[in-house]
N, C-alpha and C. Protein backbone atom coordinates (compact mmCIF):
# COMPACT_ATOMS: atom_id res chain seq x y z
N MET A 1 -12.78 -7.19 -8.24
CA MET A 1 -13.58 -8.25 -7.64
C MET A 1 -12.68 -9.47 -7.40
N THR A 2 -12.88 -10.11 -6.27
CA THR A 2 -12.08 -11.29 -5.96
C THR A 2 -12.93 -12.53 -6.10
N ASP A 3 -12.28 -13.69 -6.12
CA ASP A 3 -12.99 -14.96 -6.16
C ASP A 3 -13.22 -15.52 -4.77
N GLU A 4 -12.93 -14.72 -3.72
CA GLU A 4 -13.09 -15.18 -2.35
C GLU A 4 -14.57 -15.29 -2.00
N PRO A 5 -14.95 -16.29 -1.20
CA PRO A 5 -16.33 -16.32 -0.70
C PRO A 5 -16.62 -15.06 0.09
N ALA A 6 -17.88 -14.63 0.12
CA ALA A 6 -18.25 -13.36 0.74
C ALA A 6 -17.88 -13.29 2.22
N ASP A 7 -17.85 -14.42 2.93
CA ASP A 7 -17.55 -14.36 4.35
C ASP A 7 -16.08 -14.59 4.67
N GLU A 8 -15.25 -14.82 3.68
CA GLU A 8 -13.81 -14.98 3.90
C GLU A 8 -13.16 -13.60 4.05
N PRO A 9 -12.36 -13.40 5.10
CA PRO A 9 -11.68 -12.11 5.25
C PRO A 9 -10.71 -11.86 4.09
N VAL A 10 -10.68 -10.62 3.64
CA VAL A 10 -9.81 -10.21 2.54
C VAL A 10 -9.01 -9.00 3.00
N VAL A 11 -7.68 -9.07 2.83
CA VAL A 11 -6.79 -7.96 3.20
C VAL A 11 -6.42 -7.19 1.94
N ARG A 12 -6.55 -5.88 2.02
CA ARG A 12 -6.23 -5.00 0.88
C ARG A 12 -5.39 -3.83 1.35
N ASP A 13 -4.43 -3.45 0.51
CA ASP A 13 -3.68 -2.21 0.74
C ASP A 13 -4.53 -1.07 0.22
N VAL A 14 -4.68 -0.03 1.04
CA VAL A 14 -5.42 1.17 0.65
C VAL A 14 -4.44 2.35 0.78
N PRO A 15 -3.58 2.53 -0.25
CA PRO A 15 -2.49 3.52 -0.12
C PRO A 15 -2.97 4.95 0.11
N GLU A 16 -4.13 5.33 -0.40
CA GLU A 16 -4.61 6.70 -0.19
C GLU A 16 -4.93 6.95 1.29
N ARG A 17 -5.15 5.91 2.06
CA ARG A 17 -5.37 6.03 3.51
C ARG A 17 -4.16 5.58 4.32
N GLN A 18 -3.12 5.12 3.63
CA GLN A 18 -1.90 4.60 4.24
C GLN A 18 -2.23 3.52 5.27
N ARG A 19 -2.98 2.52 4.79
CA ARG A 19 -3.31 1.42 5.68
C ARG A 19 -3.71 0.18 4.90
N TYR A 20 -3.55 -0.95 5.57
CA TYR A 20 -4.09 -2.21 5.08
C TYR A 20 -5.42 -2.40 5.80
N GLU A 21 -6.43 -2.82 5.06
CA GLU A 21 -7.74 -3.07 5.64
C GLU A 21 -8.09 -4.55 5.49
N ILE A 22 -8.84 -5.06 6.46
CA ILE A 22 -9.38 -6.40 6.34
C ILE A 22 -10.90 -6.28 6.29
N HIS A 23 -11.48 -6.90 5.27
CA HIS A 23 -12.93 -6.85 5.06
C HIS A 23 -13.51 -8.25 5.21
N VAL A 24 -14.65 -8.31 5.85
CA VAL A 24 -15.42 -9.55 5.95
C VAL A 24 -16.72 -9.25 5.22
N GLY A 25 -16.86 -9.84 4.04
CA GLY A 25 -17.99 -9.46 3.18
C GLY A 25 -17.83 -7.99 2.83
N ASP A 26 -18.88 -7.22 3.06
CA ASP A 26 -18.80 -5.78 2.75
C ASP A 26 -18.50 -4.93 3.98
N GLN A 27 -18.12 -5.58 5.09
CA GLN A 27 -17.84 -4.85 6.32
C GLN A 27 -16.34 -4.72 6.58
N LEU A 28 -15.95 -3.54 7.02
CA LEU A 28 -14.57 -3.31 7.42
C LEU A 28 -14.37 -3.91 8.80
N GLY A 29 -13.49 -4.91 8.90
CA GLY A 29 -13.22 -5.57 10.17
C GLY A 29 -12.10 -4.94 10.96
N GLY A 30 -11.21 -4.24 10.28
CA GLY A 30 -10.09 -3.60 10.96
C GLY A 30 -9.06 -3.10 9.98
N PHE A 31 -7.99 -2.53 10.53
CA PHE A 31 -6.94 -1.98 9.67
C PHE A 31 -5.63 -1.91 10.43
N VAL A 32 -4.55 -1.83 9.67
CA VAL A 32 -3.23 -1.52 10.22
C VAL A 32 -2.72 -0.29 9.47
N GLN A 33 -2.49 0.78 10.21
CA GLN A 33 -2.01 2.05 9.66
C GLN A 33 -0.51 1.94 9.43
N TYR A 34 -0.02 2.59 8.38
CA TYR A 34 1.42 2.57 8.12
C TYR A 34 1.91 3.90 7.60
N ARG A 35 3.24 4.06 7.67
CA ARG A 35 3.94 5.18 7.03
C ARG A 35 4.98 4.57 6.13
N ARG A 36 5.05 5.07 4.92
CA ARG A 36 6.05 4.55 3.98
C ARG A 36 7.11 5.61 3.75
N ASN A 37 8.37 5.17 3.81
CA ASN A 37 9.51 6.04 3.52
C ASN A 37 10.40 5.26 2.56
N GLY A 38 10.27 5.54 1.27
CA GLY A 38 11.02 4.81 0.26
C GLY A 38 10.56 3.36 0.23
N ASN A 39 11.49 2.44 0.44
CA ASN A 39 11.17 1.01 0.42
C ASN A 39 10.93 0.43 1.81
N VAL A 40 10.76 1.31 2.81
CA VAL A 40 10.52 0.84 4.18
C VAL A 40 9.13 1.29 4.61
N VAL A 41 8.35 0.33 5.10
CA VAL A 41 7.01 0.60 5.57
C VAL A 41 6.98 0.37 7.08
N ASP A 42 6.63 1.42 7.83
CA ASP A 42 6.51 1.35 9.28
C ASP A 42 5.05 1.06 9.62
N LEU A 43 4.80 -0.12 10.17
CA LEU A 43 3.45 -0.51 10.59
C LEU A 43 3.25 0.06 11.99
N ILE A 44 2.36 1.06 12.11
CA ILE A 44 2.33 1.88 13.32
C ILE A 44 1.12 1.64 14.24
N HIS A 45 0.01 1.14 13.73
CA HIS A 45 -1.16 0.99 14.59
C HIS A 45 -2.13 -0.01 13.98
N THR A 46 -2.62 -0.92 14.80
CA THR A 46 -3.60 -1.92 14.36
C THR A 46 -4.87 -1.75 15.17
N GLU A 47 -5.99 -1.83 14.48
CA GLU A 47 -7.28 -1.71 15.14
C GLU A 47 -8.26 -2.72 14.53
N ILE A 48 -8.94 -3.47 15.38
CA ILE A 48 -9.96 -4.41 14.95
C ILE A 48 -11.29 -3.94 15.52
N ASP A 49 -12.32 -3.91 14.70
CA ASP A 49 -13.66 -3.53 15.14
C ASP A 49 -14.08 -4.48 16.26
N PRO A 50 -14.59 -3.95 17.37
CA PRO A 50 -15.00 -4.82 18.48
C PRO A 50 -15.97 -5.93 18.07
N ALA A 51 -16.78 -5.71 17.06
CA ALA A 51 -17.71 -6.74 16.59
C ALA A 51 -16.99 -7.96 16.03
N PHE A 52 -15.71 -7.80 15.65
CA PHE A 52 -14.95 -8.89 15.04
C PHE A 52 -13.86 -9.43 15.96
N GLU A 53 -13.72 -8.88 17.16
CA GLU A 53 -12.67 -9.36 18.07
C GLU A 53 -12.92 -10.82 18.44
N GLY A 54 -11.83 -11.54 18.63
CA GLY A 54 -11.93 -12.94 19.03
C GLY A 54 -12.13 -13.90 17.88
N HIS A 55 -12.02 -13.40 16.64
CA HIS A 55 -12.21 -14.25 15.46
C HIS A 55 -10.93 -14.43 14.66
N GLY A 56 -9.80 -13.98 15.22
CA GLY A 56 -8.51 -14.16 14.55
C GLY A 56 -8.24 -13.17 13.43
N LEU A 57 -9.06 -12.12 13.32
CA LEU A 57 -8.85 -11.16 12.23
C LEU A 57 -7.53 -10.40 12.36
N GLY A 58 -7.12 -10.09 13.59
CA GLY A 58 -5.87 -9.36 13.77
C GLY A 58 -4.69 -10.12 13.18
N GLY A 59 -4.62 -11.42 13.45
CA GLY A 59 -3.55 -12.24 12.89
C GLY A 59 -3.63 -12.34 11.38
N LYS A 60 -4.84 -12.48 10.85
CA LYS A 60 -5.00 -12.55 9.39
C LYS A 60 -4.62 -11.23 8.74
N LEU A 61 -4.96 -10.13 9.40
CA LEU A 61 -4.59 -8.81 8.89
C LEU A 61 -3.08 -8.63 8.91
N ALA A 62 -2.44 -8.98 10.03
CA ALA A 62 -0.99 -8.86 10.13
C ALA A 62 -0.31 -9.71 9.06
N GLN A 63 -0.72 -10.97 8.94
CA GLN A 63 -0.09 -11.86 7.96
C GLN A 63 -0.32 -11.36 6.54
N GLY A 64 -1.52 -10.90 6.24
CA GLY A 64 -1.82 -10.39 4.90
C GLY A 64 -0.98 -9.18 4.54
N ALA A 65 -0.82 -8.26 5.49
CA ALA A 65 0.01 -7.07 5.24
C ALA A 65 1.47 -7.46 5.05
N LEU A 66 1.99 -8.32 5.92
CA LEU A 66 3.39 -8.74 5.81
C LEU A 66 3.64 -9.52 4.53
N ASP A 67 2.71 -10.38 4.14
CA ASP A 67 2.84 -11.12 2.88
C ASP A 67 2.89 -10.17 1.70
N ASP A 68 2.03 -9.14 1.71
CA ASP A 68 2.00 -8.18 0.61
C ASP A 68 3.31 -7.39 0.55
N LEU A 69 3.81 -6.95 1.69
CA LEU A 69 5.07 -6.20 1.70
C LEU A 69 6.21 -7.06 1.16
N ARG A 70 6.26 -8.32 1.58
CA ARG A 70 7.30 -9.23 1.11
C ARG A 70 7.18 -9.44 -0.40
N ARG A 71 5.96 -9.67 -0.87
CA ARG A 71 5.72 -9.90 -2.30
C ARG A 71 6.18 -8.70 -3.13
N ARG A 72 6.02 -7.51 -2.60
CA ARG A 72 6.39 -6.28 -3.32
C ARG A 72 7.85 -5.89 -3.10
N GLY A 73 8.59 -6.68 -2.30
CA GLY A 73 10.00 -6.40 -2.07
C GLY A 73 10.25 -5.22 -1.16
N LEU A 74 9.28 -4.90 -0.28
CA LEU A 74 9.43 -3.78 0.64
C LEU A 74 9.84 -4.30 2.01
N ASP A 75 10.67 -3.52 2.70
CA ASP A 75 11.06 -3.84 4.07
C ASP A 75 10.02 -3.27 5.02
N HIS A 76 10.00 -3.79 6.24
CA HIS A 76 9.03 -3.27 7.21
C HIS A 76 9.69 -3.07 8.57
N VAL A 77 9.10 -2.16 9.32
CA VAL A 77 9.42 -1.90 10.71
C VAL A 77 8.09 -1.98 11.44
N ALA A 78 8.07 -2.61 12.60
CA ALA A 78 6.82 -2.76 13.34
C ALA A 78 6.89 -1.97 14.64
N THR A 79 6.47 -0.70 14.61
CA THR A 79 6.38 0.06 15.84
C THR A 79 5.05 -0.20 16.54
N CYS A 80 4.11 -0.79 15.85
CA CYS A 80 2.83 -1.19 16.44
C CYS A 80 3.07 -2.38 17.37
N PRO A 81 2.68 -2.29 18.64
CA PRO A 81 2.89 -3.40 19.56
C PRO A 81 2.22 -4.71 19.12
N PHE A 82 1.05 -4.61 18.51
CA PHE A 82 0.37 -5.83 18.07
C PHE A 82 1.17 -6.53 16.97
N ILE A 83 1.63 -5.75 15.97
CA ILE A 83 2.41 -6.35 14.87
C ILE A 83 3.75 -6.87 15.39
N ALA A 84 4.39 -6.11 16.28
CA ALA A 84 5.67 -6.57 16.86
C ALA A 84 5.47 -7.89 17.60
N GLY A 85 4.40 -8.01 18.37
CA GLY A 85 4.11 -9.25 19.07
C GLY A 85 3.80 -10.39 18.12
N TYR A 86 3.07 -10.07 17.04
CA TYR A 86 2.76 -11.08 16.03
C TYR A 86 4.05 -11.62 15.42
N LEU A 87 4.98 -10.73 15.12
CA LEU A 87 6.26 -11.15 14.53
C LEU A 87 7.08 -12.00 15.49
N GLN A 88 7.00 -11.72 16.77
CA GLN A 88 7.71 -12.55 17.75
C GLN A 88 7.11 -13.96 17.79
N ARG A 89 5.80 -14.05 17.71
CA ARG A 89 5.12 -15.34 17.77
C ARG A 89 5.18 -16.10 16.44
N HIS A 90 5.34 -15.36 15.33
CA HIS A 90 5.33 -15.95 13.99
C HIS A 90 6.50 -15.39 13.18
N PRO A 91 7.72 -15.84 13.45
CA PRO A 91 8.90 -15.31 12.72
C PRO A 91 8.70 -15.46 11.21
N GLN A 92 9.07 -14.41 10.51
CA GLN A 92 8.93 -14.39 9.05
C GLN A 92 10.20 -14.91 8.40
N PRO A 93 10.06 -15.57 7.25
CA PRO A 93 11.26 -16.08 6.55
C PRO A 93 12.16 -14.96 6.05
């Protein structure tokens, strides 16, 4: 359980599905699929539920996934065009 308000988007790693998910309350707002090879995670596909498009969830999902990978000391590759574009617009430290 988190201390986040119910309507605040929350990003979670779901390793059994090999994806990061973003939830708004109890609803799945979207996900970014990945493949992990050792310490490298390839972010391969991002999908946002049409009901949540236009609310900035894609950017929050991308940032949440990248923050988690960095925190865990994992490298990433972005073959997903959305994540690659996000990285161009928001260079990571």
